[in-house]
Structures are given as structure tokens and as C-alpha cells.
């Protein structure tokens, strides 16, 4: 085959390949447009859903009796107090552990100095 044959074959292939490339580009652009449109609709739906949840919560709050509300608030305060006590206890234990760690570090440093002095 000569160079002219290859050029003729290349010429025959260029048109279909160009069409395929243009078709694939159009599909990609269409997918991008669809994704943007879908994202907008999803955001709109999400916003509407948030609004519905807020309205439902408001209705639930209005329907709950005052006594029930007081009971729930008292329960939440009790749990909050328990959590504060637990956090205070953990902080105390961490402080104690930190103090022991500092003492062990000082003792280790002193032993190193003694060892250096004995070798020196």
C-alpha cells in the first residue's frame, strides 16, 4: 500500500469518526444539562421537605400537652446534668493521670541524669 492509499482510507474514516465524536459530545452535554436540572429539582424538593418537617414539628409541639412538655424538659435536664457530672469525672481522672505522667517523666529524667553521672 502506498501513502495515497492510506490517505484515501483516512479520508473515508474521518467523516464517520467526526460524526461519532460530535454525537458523543452532544450526549455528554445533554447529560450535563440533565444533571444540573436534576440537582436544581433535588434542591427544591429538599427545601420543600425541610419546610414540611418544620411545619410537622410545629403541629406536634402544639398538640403535646403542657404536662407532657414539662415532663420531657425535666427528663432532658436530668440527662444533661448526668452528662455534665460524667464529663467532670472524666476531666478529674485525666488531670490525675496527667499528674502521674509528669511525675514519671521527672523520675525518668532524674534516672537518666544519675546514669550519665555514673558513666561520666
PDB file of N, CA and C in Angstrom:
ATOM      1  N   UNK A   1       0.838  -1.180   0.000  1.00  0.00           N
ATOM      2  CA  UNK A   1       0.000   0.000   0.000  1.00  0.00           C
ATOM      3  C   UNK A   1       0.882   1.242   0.000  1.00  0.00           C
ATOM      4  N   UNK A   2       0.414   2.209  -0.705  1.00  0.00           N
ATOM      5  CA  UNK A   2       1.168   3.445  -0.823  1.00  0.00           C
ATOM      6  C   UNK A   2       0.597   4.488   0.124  1.00  0.00           C
ATOM      7  N   UNK A   3       1.286   5.573   0.221  1.00  0.00           N
ATOM      8  CA  UNK A   3       0.847   6.671   1.065  1.00  0.00           C
ATOM      9  C   UNK A   3      -0.507   7.203   0.607  1.00  0.00           C
ATOM     10  N   UNK A   4      -0.740   7.231  -0.660  1.00  0.00           N
ATOM     11  CA  UNK A   4      -2.011   7.693  -1.197  1.00  0.00           C
ATOM     12  C   UNK A   4      -3.163   6.801  -0.758  1.00  0.00           C
ATOM     13  N   UNK A   5      -2.903   5.486  -0.684  1.00  0.00           N
ATOM     14  CA  UNK A   5      -3.939   4.559  -0.230  1.00  0.00           C
ATOM     15  C   UNK A   5      -4.296   4.837   1.228  1.00  0.00           C
ATOM     16  N   UNK A   6      -3.271   5.059   2.020  1.00  0.00           N
ATOM     17  CA  UNK A   6      -3.520   5.353   3.432  1.00  0.00           C
ATOM     18  C   UNK A   6      -4.289   6.658   3.609  1.00  0.00           C
ATOM     19  N   UNK A   7      -3.953   7.649   2.799  1.00  0.00           N
ATOM     20  CA  UNK A   7      -4.657   8.922   2.876  1.00  0.00           C
ATOM     21  C   UNK A   7      -6.108   8.772   2.445  1.00  0.00           C
ATOM     22  N   UNK A   8      -6.353   7.932   1.460  1.00  0.00           N
ATOM     23  CA  UNK A   8      -7.725   7.704   0.999  1.00  0.00           C
ATOM     24  C   UNK A   8      -8.541   7.005   2.088  1.00  0.00           C
ATOM     25  N   UNK A   9      -7.922   6.009   2.728  1.00  0.00           N
ATOM     26  CA  UNK A   9      -8.613   5.300   3.814  1.00  0.00           C
ATOM     27  C   UNK A   9      -8.858   6.256   4.980  1.00  0.00           C
ATOM     28  N   UNK A  10      -7.863   7.080   5.290  1.00  0.00           N
ATOM     29  CA  UNK A  10      -8.012   8.047   6.383  1.00  0.00           C
ATOM     30  C   UNK A  10      -9.136   9.022   6.064  1.00  0.00           C
ATOM     31  N   UNK A  11      -9.239   9.450   4.806  1.00  0.00           N
ATOM     32  CA  UNK A  11     -10.311  10.354   4.408  1.00  0.00           C
ATOM     33  C   UNK A  11     -11.674   9.714   4.567  1.00  0.00           C
ATOM     34  N   UNK A  12     -11.754   8.434   4.256  1.00  0.00           N
ATOM     35  CA  UNK A  12     -13.017   7.720   4.409  1.00  0.00           C
ATOM     36  C   UNK A  12     -13.399   7.542   5.883  1.00  0.00           C
ATOM     37  N   UNK A  13     -12.413   7.401   6.730  1.00  0.00           N
ATOM     38  CA  UNK A  13     -12.681   7.191   8.157  1.00  0.00           C
ATOM     39  C   UNK A  13     -12.938   8.490   8.914  1.00  0.00           C
ATOM     40  N   UNK A  14     -12.435   9.607   8.410  1.00  0.00           N
ATOM     41  CA  UNK A  14     -12.547  10.867   9.141  1.00  0.00           C
ATOM     42  C   UNK A  14     -13.992  11.322   9.314  1.00  0.00           C
ATOM     43  N   UNK A  15     -14.782  11.193   8.280  1.00  0.00           N
ATOM     44  CA  UNK A  15     -16.165  11.670   8.361  1.00  0.00           C
ATOM     45  C   UNK A  15     -16.957  10.866   9.391  1.00  0.00           C
ATOM     46  N   UNK A  16     -16.954   9.510   9.365  1.00  0.00           N
ATOM     47  CA  UNK A  16     -17.703   8.774  10.385  1.00  0.00           C
ATOM     48  C   UNK A  16     -17.166   9.009  11.800  1.00  0.00           C
ATOM     49  N   UNK A  17     -15.840   9.074  11.912  1.00  0.00           N
ATOM     50  CA  UNK A  17     -15.267   9.306  13.244  1.00  0.00           C
ATOM     51  C   UNK A  17     -15.632  10.691  13.758  1.00  0.00           C
ATOM     52  N   UNK A  18     -15.656  11.684  12.883  1.00  0.00           N
ATOM     53  CA  UNK A  18     -16.051  13.035  13.294  1.00  0.00           C
ATOM     54  C   UNK A  18     -17.500  13.045  13.758  1.00  0.00           C
ATOM     55  N   UNK A  19     -18.358  12.340  13.034  1.00  0.00           N
ATOM     56  CA  UNK A  19     -19.764  12.268  13.425  1.00  0.00           C
ATOM     57  C   UNK A  19     -19.933  11.577  14.780  1.00  0.00           C
ATOM     58  N   UNK A  20     -19.173  10.505  14.987  1.00  0.00           N
ATOM     59  CA  UNK A  20     -19.240   9.801  16.272  1.00  0.00           C
ATOM     60  C   UNK A  20     -18.781  10.726  17.398  1.00  0.00           C
ATOM     61  N   UNK A  21     -17.702  11.468  17.170  1.00  0.00           N
ATOM     62  CA  UNK A  21     -17.207  12.406  18.192  1.00  0.00           C
ATOM     63  C   UNK A  21     -18.246  13.484  18.500  1.00  0.00           C
ATOM     64  N   UNK A  22     -18.865  14.038  17.451  1.00  0.00           N
ATOM     65  CA  UNK A  22     -19.898  15.057  17.670  1.00  0.00           C
ATOM     66  C   UNK A  22     -21.097  14.477  18.415  1.00  0.00           C
ATOM     67  N   UNK A  23     -21.470  13.245  18.079  1.00  0.00           N
ATOM     68  CA  UNK A  23     -22.590  12.585  18.750  1.00  0.00           C
ATOM     69  C   UNK A  23     -22.274  12.365  20.230  1.00  0.00           C
ATOM     70  N   UNK A  24     -21.066  11.891  20.517  1.00  0.00           N
ATOM     71  CA  UNK A  24     -20.673  11.663  21.914  1.00  0.00           C
ATOM     72  C   UNK A  24     -20.616  12.976  22.689  1.00  0.00           C
ATOM     73  N   UNK A  25     -20.151  14.057  22.048  1.00  0.00           N
ATOM     74  CA  UNK A  25     -20.114  15.357  22.708  1.00  0.00           C
ATOM     75  C   UNK A  25     -21.535  15.825  23.028  1.00  0.00           C
ATOM     76  N   UNK A  26     -22.459  15.626  22.084  1.00  0.00           N
ATOM     77  CA  UNK A  26     -23.845  16.022  22.319  1.00  0.00           C
ATOM     78  C   UNK A  26     -24.447  15.227  23.480  1.00  0.00           C
ATOM     79  N   UNK A  27     -24.136  13.942  23.553  1.00  0.00           N
ATOM     80  CA  UNK A  27     -24.630  13.116  24.669  1.00  0.00           C
ATOM     81  C   UNK A  27     -24.070  13.630  25.989  1.00  0.00           C
ATOM     82  N   UNK A  28     -22.789  13.947  26.020  1.00  0.00           N
ATOM     83  CA  UNK A  28     -22.165  14.457  27.242  1.00  0.00           C
ATOM     84  C   UNK A  28     -22.794  15.783  27.670  1.00  0.00           C
ATOM     85  N   UNK A  29     -22.988  16.687  26.731  1.00  0.00           N
ATOM     86  CA  UNK A  29     -23.599  17.982  27.054  1.00  0.00           C
ATOM     87  C   UNK A  29     -25.028  17.802  27.548  1.00  0.00           C
ATOM     88  N   UNK A  30     -25.755  16.878  26.924  1.00  0.00           N
ATOM     89  CA  UNK A  30     -27.115  16.601  27.368  1.00  0.00           C
ATOM     90  C   UNK A  30     -27.116  16.047  28.789  1.00  0.00           C
ATOM     91  N   UNK A  31     -26.157  15.171  29.100  1.00  0.00           N
ATOM     92  CA  UNK A  31     -26.053  14.618  30.455  1.00  0.00           C
ATOM     93  C   UNK A  31     -25.715  15.698  31.472  1.00  0.00           C
ATOM     94  N   UNK A  32     -24.853  16.627  31.088  1.00  0.00           N
ATOM     95  CA  UNK A  32     -24.501  17.732  31.993  1.00  0.00           C
ATOM     96  C   UNK A  32     -25.731  18.596  32.258  1.00  0.00           C
ATOM     97  N   UNK A  33     -26.497  18.932  31.207  1.00  0.00           N
ATOM     98  CA  UNK A  33     -27.710  19.722  31.385  1.00  0.00           C
ATOM     99  C   UNK A  33     -28.716  18.982  32.266  1.00  0.00           C
ATOM    100  N   UNK A  34     -28.868  17.688  32.018  1.00  0.00           N
ATOM    101  CA  UNK A  34     -29.800  16.899  32.820  1.00  0.00           C
ATOM    102  C   UNK A  34     -29.366  16.879  34.282  1.00  0.00           C
ATOM    103  N   UNK A  35     -28.064  16.711  34.541  1.00  0.00           N
ATOM    104  CA  UNK A  35     -27.565  16.665  35.918  1.00  0.00           C
ATOM    105  C   UNK A  35     -27.826  17.985  36.625  1.00  0.00           C
ATOM    106  N   UNK A  36     -27.595  19.109  35.927  1.00  0.00           N
ATOM    107  CA  UNK A  36     -27.855  20.416  36.538  1.00  0.00           C
ATOM    108  C   UNK A  36     -29.335  20.583  36.850  1.00  0.00           C
ATOM    109  N   UNK A  37     -30.173  20.182  35.893  1.00  0.00           N
ATOM    110  CA  UNK A  37     -31.620  20.286  36.094  1.00  0.00           C
ATOM    111  C   UNK A  37     -32.059  19.394  37.253  1.00  0.00           C
ATOM    112  N   UNK A  38     -31.515  18.185  37.308  1.00  0.00           N
ATOM    113  CA  UNK A  38     -31.855  17.252  38.377  1.00  0.00           C
ATOM    114  C   UNK A  38     -31.415  17.796  39.725  1.00  0.00           C
ATOM    115  N   UNK A  39     -30.210  18.371  39.785  1.00  0.00           N
ATOM    116  CA  UNK A  39     -29.715  18.950  41.042  1.00  0.00           C
ATOM    117  C   UNK A  39     -30.617  20.090  41.523  1.00  0.00           C
ATOM    118  N   UNK A  40     -31.073  20.928  40.583  1.00  0.00           N
ATOM    119  CA  UNK A  40     -31.973  22.023  40.957  1.00  0.00           C
ATOM    120  C   UNK A  40     -33.285  21.480  41.516  1.00  0.00           C
ATOM    121  N   UNK A  41     -33.839  20.474  40.827  1.00  0.00           N
ATOM    122  CA  UNK A  41     -35.094  19.891  41.305  1.00  0.00           C
ATOM    123  C   UNK A  41     -34.907  19.219  42.656  1.00  0.00           C
ATOM    124  N   UNK A  42     -33.759  18.562  42.842  1.00  0.00           N
ATOM    125  CA  UNK A  42     -33.485  17.904  44.121  1.00  0.00           C
ATOM    126  C   UNK A  42     -33.359  18.928  45.242  1.00  0.00           C
ATOM    127  N   UNK A  43     -32.678  20.039  44.981  1.00  0.00           N
ATOM    128  CA  UNK A  43     -32.563  21.099  45.979  1.00  0.00           C
ATOM    129  C   UNK A  43     -33.924  21.685  46.321  1.00  0.00           C
ATOM    130  N   UNK A  44     -34.756  21.883  45.303  1.00  0.00           N
ATOM    131  CA  UNK A  44     -36.102  22.399  45.518  1.00  0.00           C
ATOM    132  C   UNK A  44     -36.916  21.424  46.367  1.00  0.00           C
ATOM    133  N   UNK A  45     -36.821  20.159  46.032  1.00  0.00           N
ATOM    134  CA  UNK A  45     -37.541  19.137  46.794  1.00  0.00           C
ATOM    135  C   UNK A  45     -37.040  19.081  48.233  1.00  0.00           C
ATOM    136  N   UNK A  46     -35.724  19.164  48.402  1.00  0.00           N
ATOM    137  CA  UNK A  46     -35.146  19.135  49.743  1.00  0.00           C
ATOM    138  C   UNK A  46     -35.631  20.329  50.567  1.00  0.00           C
ATOM    139  N   UNK A  47     -35.687  21.501  49.945  1.00  0.00           N
ATOM    140  CA  UNK A  47     -36.186  22.690  50.646  1.00  0.00           C
ATOM    141  C   UNK A  47     -37.642  22.533  51.042  1.00  0.00           C
ATOM    142  N   UNK A  48     -38.440  21.986  50.139  1.00  0.00           N
ATOM    143  CA  UNK A  48     -39.844  21.761  50.470  1.00  0.00           C
ATOM    144  C   UNK A  48     -39.987  20.739  51.588  1.00  0.00           C
ATOM    145  N   UNK A  49     -39.147  19.715  51.552  1.00  0.00           N
ATOM    146  CA  UNK A  49     -39.198  18.689  52.599  1.00  0.00           C
ATOM    147  C   UNK A  49     -38.824  19.283  53.951  1.00  0.00           C
ATOM    148  N   UNK A  50     -37.807  20.146  53.969  1.00  0.00           N
ATOM    149  CA  UNK A  50     -37.422  20.810  55.223  1.00  0.00           C
ATOM    150  C   UNK A  50     -38.579  21.654  55.753  1.00  0.00           C
ATOM    151  N   UNK A  51     -39.260  22.362  54.839  1.00  0.00           N
ATOM    152  CA  UNK A  51     -40.410  23.161  55.255  1.00  0.00           C
ATOM    153  C   UNK A  51     -41.521  22.300  55.832  1.00  0.00           C
ATOM    154  N   UNK A  52     -41.759  21.147  55.213  1.00  0.00           N
ATOM    155  CA  UNK A  52     -42.786  20.233  55.712  1.00  0.00           C
ATOM    156  C   UNK A  52     -42.411  19.703  57.091  1.00  0.00           C
ATOM    157  N   UNK A  53     -41.133  19.359  57.275  1.00  0.00           N
ATOM    158  CA  UNK A  53     -40.681  18.871  58.579  1.00  0.00           C
ATOM    159  C   UNK A  53     -40.867  19.931  59.652  1.00  0.00           C
ATOM    160  N   UNK A  54     -40.553  21.179  59.311  1.00  0.00           N
ATOM    161  CA  UNK A  54     -40.709  22.265  60.285  1.00  0.00           C
ATOM    162  C   UNK A  54     -42.180  22.445  60.652  1.00  0.00           C
ATOM    163  N   UNK A  55     -43.063  22.385  59.635  1.00  0.00           N
ATOM    164  CA  UNK A  55     -44.491  22.515  59.921  1.00  0.00           C
ATOM    165  C   UNK A  55     -45.001  21.356  60.759  1.00  0.00           C
ATOM    166  N   UNK A  56     -44.533  20.150  60.458  1.00  0.00           N
ATOM    167  CA  UNK A  56     -44.942  18.972  61.231  1.00  0.00           C
ATOM    168  C   UNK A  56     -44.472  19.078  62.676  1.00  0.00           C
ATOM    169  N   UNK A  57     -43.246  19.537  62.877  1.00  0.00           N
ATOM    170  CA  UNK A  57     -42.727  19.713  64.234  1.00  0.00           C
ATOM    171  C   UNK A  57     -43.554  20.744  64.993  1.00  0.00           C
ATOM    172  N   UNK A  58     -43.936  21.817  64.311  1.00  0.00           N
ATOM    173  CA  UNK A  58     -44.752  22.851  64.951  1.00  0.00           C
ATOM    174  C   UNK A  58     -46.106  22.280  65.368  1.00  0.00           C
ATOM    175  N   UNK A  59     -46.713  21.485  64.490  1.00  0.00           N
ATOM    176  CA  UNK A  59     -48.005  20.868  64.817  1.00  0.00           C
ATOM    177  C   UNK A  59     -47.846  19.913  65.994  1.00  0.00           C
ATOM    178  N   UNK A  60     -46.765  19.112  65.986  1.00  0.00           N
ATOM    179  CA  UNK A  60     -46.541  18.183  67.103  1.00  0.00           C
ATOM    180  C   UNK A  60     -46.373  18.935  68.416  1.00  0.00           C
ATOM    181  N   UNK A  61     -45.654  20.059  68.373  1.00  0.00           N
ATOM    182  CA  UNK A  61     -45.450  20.843  69.588  1.00  0.00           C
ATOM    183  C   UNK A  61     -46.766  21.427  70.089  1.00  0.00           C
ATOM    184  N   UNK A  62     -47.620  21.830  69.156  1.00  0.00           N
ATOM    185  CA  UNK A  62     -48.907  22.388  69.561  1.00  0.00           C
ATOM    186  C   UNK A  62     -49.815  21.316  70.137  1.00  0.00           C
ATOM    187  N   UNK A  63     -49.695  20.082  69.656  1.00  0.00           N
ATOM    188  CA  UNK A  63     -50.570  19.012  70.103  1.00  0.00           C
ATOM    189  C   UNK A  63     -50.137  18.410  71.439  1.00  0.00           C
ATOM    190  N   UNK A  64     -48.859  18.552  71.796  1.00  0.00           N
ATOM    191  CA  UNK A  64     -48.361  17.994  73.053  1.00  0.00           C
ATOM    192  C   UNK A  64     -48.916  18.826  74.209  1.00  0.00           C
ATOM    193  N   UNK A  65     -49.396  18.150  75.194  1.00  0.00           N
ATOM    194  CA  UNK A  65     -49.940  18.865  76.351  1.00  0.00           C
ATOM    195  C   UNK A  65     -48.811  19.524  77.140  1.00  0.00           C
ATOM    196  N   UNK A  66     -49.188  20.508  77.912  1.00  0.00           N
ATOM    197  CA  UNK A  66     -48.196  21.230  78.715  1.00  0.00           C
ATOM    198  C   UNK A  66     -47.516  20.286  79.707  1.00  0.00           C
ATOM    199  N   UNK A  67     -48.272  19.412  80.321  1.00  0.00           N
ATOM    200  CA  UNK A  67     -47.703  18.474  81.298  1.00  0.00           C
ATOM    201  C   UNK A  67     -46.671  17.566  80.630  1.00  0.00           C
ATOM    202  N   UNK A  68     -46.999  17.096  79.428  1.00  0.00           N
ATOM    203  CA  UNK A  68     -46.053  16.246  78.696  1.00  0.00           C
ATOM    204  C   UNK A  68     -44.791  17.019  78.358  1.00  0.00           C
ATOM    205  N   UNK A  69     -44.969  18.272  77.938  1.00  0.00           N
ATOM    206  CA  UNK A  69     -43.825  19.096  77.605  1.00  0.00           C
ATOM    207  C   UNK A  69     -42.937  19.300  78.827  1.00  0.00           C
ATOM    208  N   UNK A  70     -43.521  19.575  79.985  1.00  0.00           N
ATOM    209  CA  UNK A  70     -42.751  19.769  81.219  1.00  0.00           C
ATOM    210  C   UNK A  70     -42.000  18.491  81.572  1.00  0.00           C
ATOM    211  N   UNK A  71     -42.658  17.333  81.393  1.00  0.00           N
ATOM    212  CA  UNK A  71     -42.006  16.051  81.695  1.00  0.00           C
ATOM    213  C   UNK A  71     -40.796  15.824  80.788  1.00  0.00           C
ATOM    214  N   UNK A  72     -40.956  16.105  79.499  1.00  0.00           N
ATOM    215  CA  UNK A  72     -39.850  15.916  78.551  1.00  0.00           C
ATOM    216  C   UNK A  72     -38.696  16.858  78.872  1.00  0.00           C
ATOM    217  N   UNK A  73     -39.014  18.113  79.174  1.00  0.00           N
ATOM    218  CA  UNK A  73     -37.962  19.079  79.501  1.00  0.00           C
ATOM    219  C   UNK A  73     -37.220  18.658  80.764  1.00  0.00           C
ATOM    220  N   UNK A  74     -37.948  18.203  81.779  1.00  0.00           N
ATOM    221  CA  UNK A  74     -37.308  17.755  83.021  1.00  0.00           C
ATOM    222  C   UNK A  74     -36.406  16.554  82.753  1.00  0.00           C
ATOM    223  N   UNK A  75     -36.874  15.637  81.917  1.00  0.00           N
ATOM    224  CA  UNK A  75     -36.065  14.470  81.574  1.00  0.00           C
ATOM    225  C   UNK A  75     -34.780  14.886  80.860  1.00  0.00           C
ATOM    226  N   UNK A  76     -34.897  15.822  79.928  1.00  0.00           N
ATOM    227  CA  UNK A  76     -33.725  16.292  79.195  1.00  0.00           C
ATOM    228  C   UNK A  76     -32.739  17.009  80.124  1.00  0.00           C
ATOM    229  N   UNK A  77     -33.257  17.781  81.063  1.00  0.00           N
ATOM    230  CA  UNK A  77     -32.374  18.464  82.016  1.00  0.00           C
ATOM    231  C   UNK A  77     -31.650  17.466  82.908  1.00  0.00           C
ATOM    232  N   UNK A  78     -32.359  16.419  83.326  1.00  0.00           N
ATOM    233  CA  UNK A  78     -31.740  15.382  84.147  1.00  0.00           C
ATOM    234  C   UNK A  78     -30.603  14.708  83.373  1.00  0.00           C
ATOM    235  N   UNK A  79     -30.865  14.382  82.099  1.00  0.00           N
ATOM    236  CA  UNK A  79     -29.819  13.758  81.277  1.00  0.00           C
ATOM    237  C   UNK A  79     -28.643  14.700  81.075  1.00  0.00           C
ATOM    238  N   UNK A  80     -28.937  15.977  80.907  1.00  0.00           N
ATOM    239  CA  UNK A  80     -27.871  16.958  80.743  1.00  0.00           C
ATOM    240  C   UNK A  80     -27.017  17.047  82.006  1.00  0.00           C
ATOM    241  N   UNK A  81     -27.640  17.029  83.174  1.00  0.00           N
ATOM    242  CA  UNK A  81     -26.900  17.058  84.434  1.00  0.00           C
ATOM    243  C   UNK A  81     -26.035  15.806  84.582  1.00  0.00           C
ATOM    244  N   UNK A  82     -26.585  14.649  84.225  1.00  0.00           N
ATOM    245  CA  UNK A  82     -25.801  13.415  84.291  1.00  0.00           C
ATOM    246  C   UNK A  82     -24.583  13.501  83.379  1.00  0.00           C
ATOM    247  N   UNK A  83     -24.775  14.044  82.190  1.00  0.00           N
ATOM    248  CA  UNK A  83     -23.662  14.173  81.246  1.00  0.00           C
ATOM    249  C   UNK A  83     -22.607  15.121  81.788  1.00  0.00           C
ATOM    250  N   UNK A  84     -23.032  16.228  82.409  1.00  0.00           N
ATOM    251  CA  UNK A  84     -22.068  17.171  82.996  1.00  0.00           C
ATOM    252  C   UNK A  84     -21.268  16.506  84.106  1.00  0.00           C
ATOM    253  N   UNK A  85     -21.935  15.736  84.953  1.00  0.00           N
ATOM    254  CA  UNK A  85     -21.230  15.031  86.028  1.00  0.00           C
ATOM    255  C   UNK A  85     -20.220  14.048  85.466  1.00  0.00           C
ATOM    256  N   UNK A  86     -20.607  13.327  84.419  1.00  0.00           N
ATOM    257  CA  UNK A  86     -19.705  12.359  83.801  1.00  0.00           C
ATOM    258  C   UNK A  86     -18.496  13.055  83.195  1.00  0.00           C
ATOM    259  N   UNK A  87     -18.720  14.184  82.522  1.00  0.00           N
ATOM    260  CA  UNK A  87     -17.610  14.929  81.933  1.00  0.00           C
ATOM    261  C   UNK A  87     -16.682  15.454  83.027  1.00  0.00           C
ATOM    262  N   UNK A  88     -17.233  15.929  84.132  1.00  0.00           N
ATOM    263  CA  UNK A  88     -16.404  16.408  85.244  1.00  0.00           C
ATOM    264  C   UNK A  88     -15.568  15.274  85.823  1.00  0.00           C
ATOM    265  N   UNK A  89     -16.177  14.109  85.967  1.00  0.00           N
ATOM    266  CA  UNK A  89     -15.449  12.949  86.489  1.00  0.00           C
ATOM    267  C   UNK A  89     -14.312  12.550  85.555  1.00  0.00           C
ATOM    268  N   UNK A  90     -14.586  12.548  84.256  1.00  0.00           N
ATOM    269  CA  UNK A  90     -13.546  12.188  83.281  1.00  0.00           C
ATOM    270  C   UNK A  90     -12.422  13.211  83.312  1.00  0.00           C
ATOM    271  N   UNK A  91     -12.763  14.499  83.397  1.00  0.00           N
ATOM    272  CA  UNK A  91     -11.730  15.538  83.480  1.00  0.00           C
ATOM    273  C   UNK A  91     -10.867  15.354  84.716  1.00  0.00           C
ATOM    274  N   UNK A  92     -11.479  15.028  85.854  1.00  0.00           N
ATOM    275  CA  UNK A  92     -10.717  14.790  87.073  1.00  0.00           C
ATOM    276  C   UNK A  92      -9.747  13.632  86.912  1.00  0.00           C
ATOM    277  N   UNK A  93     -10.224  12.538  86.308  1.00  0.00           N
ATOM    278  CA  UNK A  93      -9.354  11.381  86.092  1.00  0.00           C
ATOM    279  C   UNK A  93      -8.225  11.705  85.129  1.00  0.00           C
ATOM    280  N   UNK A  94      -8.521  12.488  84.088  1.00  0.00           N
ATOM    281  CA  UNK A  94      -7.469  12.874  83.151  1.00  0.00           C
ATOM    282  C   UNK A  94      -6.432  13.759  83.825  1.00  0.00           C
ATOM    283  N   UNK A  95      -6.884  14.693  84.668  1.00  0.00           N
ATOM    284  CA  UNK A  95      -5.941  15.547  85.397  1.00  0.00           C
ATOM    285  C   UNK A  95      -5.052  14.713  86.310  1.00  0.00           C
ATOM    286  N   UNK A  96      -5.638  13.730  86.993  1.00  0.00           N
ATOM    287  CA  UNK A  96      -4.857  12.864  87.875  1.00  0.00           C
ATOM    288  C   UNK A  96      -3.841  12.056  87.068  1.00  0.00           C
ATOM    289  N   UNK A  97      -4.278  11.545  85.932  1.00  0.00           N
ATOM    290  CA  UNK A  97      -3.378  10.769  85.084  1.00  0.00           C
ATOM    291  C   UNK A  97      -2.254  11.640  84.558  1.00  0.00           C
ATOM    292  N   UNK A  98      -2.571  12.879  84.204  1.00  0.00           N
ATOM    293  CA  UNK A  98      -1.551  13.799  83.720  1.00  0.00           C
ATOM    294  C   UNK A  98      -0.524  14.078  84.810  1.00  0.00           C
ATOM    295  N   UNK A  99      -0.992  14.231  86.048  1.00  0.00           N
ATOM    296  CA  UNK A  99      -0.071  14.465  87.158  1.00  0.00           C
ATOM    297  C   UNK A  99       0.870  13.285  87.362  1.00  0.00           C
ATOM    298  N   UNK A 100       0.327  12.066  87.301  1.00  0.00           N
ATOM    299  CA  UNK A 100       1.161  10.863  87.450  1.00  0.00           C
ATOM    300  C   UNK A 100       2.168  10.772  86.303  1.00  0.00           C
ATOM    301  N   UNK A 101       1.732  11.121  85.106  1.00  0.00           N
ATOM    302  CA  UNK A 101       2.623  11.072  83.951  1.00  0.00           C
ATOM    303  C   UNK A 101       3.759  12.063  84.115  1.00  0.00           C
ATOM    304  N   UNK A 102       3.468  13.246  84.614  1.00  0.00           N
ATOM    305  CA  UNK A 102       4.528  14.240  84.834  1.00  0.00           C
ATOM    306  C   UNK A 102       5.525  13.753  85.879  1.00  0.00           C
ATOM    307  N   UNK A 103       5.023  13.145  86.941  1.00  0.00           N
ATOM    308  CA  UNK A 103       5.914  12.619  87.976  1.00  0.00           C
ATOM    309  C   UNK A 103       6.804  11.513  87.415  1.00  0.00           C
ATOM    310  N   UNK A 104       6.231  10.641  86.593  1.00  0.00           N
ATOM    311  CA  UNK A 104       7.025   9.556  85.998  1.00  0.00           C
ATOM    312  C   UNK A 104       8.081  10.121  85.049  1.00  0.00           C
ATOM    313  N   UNK A 105       7.743  11.189  84.338  1.00  0.00           N
ATOM    314  CA  UNK A 105       8.712  11.821  83.434  1.00  0.00           C
ATOM    315  C   UNK A 105       9.859  12.428  84.224  1.00  0.00           C
ATOM    316  N   UNK A 106       9.533  13.098  85.321  1.00  0.00           N
ATOM    317  CA  UNK A 106      10.589  13.677  86.170  1.00  0.00           C
ATOM    318  C   UNK A 106      11.485  12.579  86.734  1.00  0.00           C
ATOM    319  N   UNK A 107      10.879  11.480  87.181  1.00  0.00           N
ATOM    320  CA  UNK A 107      11.678  10.375  87.730  1.00  0.00           C
ATOM    321  C   UNK A 107      12.567   9.782  86.649  1.00  0.00           C
ATOM    322  N   UNK A 108      12.045   9.637  85.449  1.00  0.00           N
ATOM    323  CA  UNK A 108      12.837   9.097  84.345  1.00  0.00           C
ATOM    324  C   UNK A 108      13.998  10.019  84.010  1.00  0.00           C
ATOM    325  N   UNK A 109      13.737  11.338  84.005  1.00  0.00           N
ATOM    326  CA  UNK A 109      14.809  12.307  83.744  1.00  0.00           C
ATOM    327  C   UNK A 109      15.880  12.235  84.827  1.00  0.00           C
ATOM    328  N   UNK A 110      15.459  12.094  86.068  1.00  0.00           N
ATOM    329  CA  UNK A 110      16.420  12.005  87.178  1.00  0.00           C
ATOM    330  C   UNK A 110      17.262  10.740  87.045  1.00  0.00           C
ATOM    331  N   UNK A 111      16.631   9.613  86.678  1.00  0.00           N
ATOM    332  CA  UNK A 111      17.388   8.368  86.488  1.00  0.00           C
ATOM    333  C   UNK A 111      18.392   8.494  85.345  1.00  0.00           C
ATOM    334  N   UNK A 112      18.001   9.191  84.265  1.00  0.00           N
ATOM    335  CA  UNK A 112      18.923   9.397  83.146  1.00  0.00           C
ATOM    336  C   UNK A 112      20.131  10.222  83.597  1.00  0.00           C
ATOM    337  N   UNK A 113      19.880  11.267  84.386  1.00  0.00           N
ATOM    338  CA  UNK A 113      20.979  12.109  84.872  1.00  0.00           C
ATOM    339  C   UNK A 113      21.905  11.322  85.770  1.00  0.00           C
ATOM    340  N   UNK A 114      21.339  10.470  86.635  1.00  0.00           N
ATOM    341  CA  UNK A 114      22.172   9.624  87.504  1.00  0.00           C
ATOM    342  C   UNK A 114      23.003   8.668  86.675  1.00  0.00           C
ATOM    343  N   UNK A 115      22.394   8.088  85.634  1.00  0.00           N
ATOM    344  CA  UNK A 115      23.112   7.152  84.796  1.00  0.00           C
ATOM    345  C   UNK A 115      24.234   7.860  84.047  1.00  0.00           C
ATOM    346  N   UNK A 116      23.976   9.079  83.559  1.00  0.00           N
ATOM    347  CA  UNK A 116      25.001   9.835  82.867  1.00  0.00           C
ATOM    348  C   UNK A 116      26.128  10.224  83.824  1.00  0.00           C
ATOM    349  N   UNK A 117      25.763  10.588  85.050  1.00  0.00           N
ATOM    350  CA  UNK A 117      26.766  10.987  86.037  1.00  0.00           C
ATOM    351  C   UNK A 117      27.631   9.781  86.429  1.00  0.00           C
ATOM    352  N   UNK A 118      27.006   8.591  86.492  1.00  0.00           N
ATOM    353  CA  UNK A 118      27.746   7.385  86.849  1.00  0.00           C
ATOM    354  C   UNK A 118      28.678   6.957  85.734  1.00  0.00           C
ATOM    355  N   UNK A 119      28.303   7.212  84.499  1.00  0.00           N
ATOM    356  CA  UNK A 119      29.141   6.832  83.352  1.00  0.00           C
ATOM    357  C   UNK A 119      30.183   7.896  83.052  1.00  0.00           C
ATOM    358  N   UNK A 120      29.944   9.095  83.521  1.00  0.00           N
ATOM    359  CA  UNK A 120      30.802  10.219  83.179  1.00  0.00           C
ATOM    360  C   UNK A 120      31.983  10.327  83.992  1.00  0.00           C
TER     361      UNK A 120
END
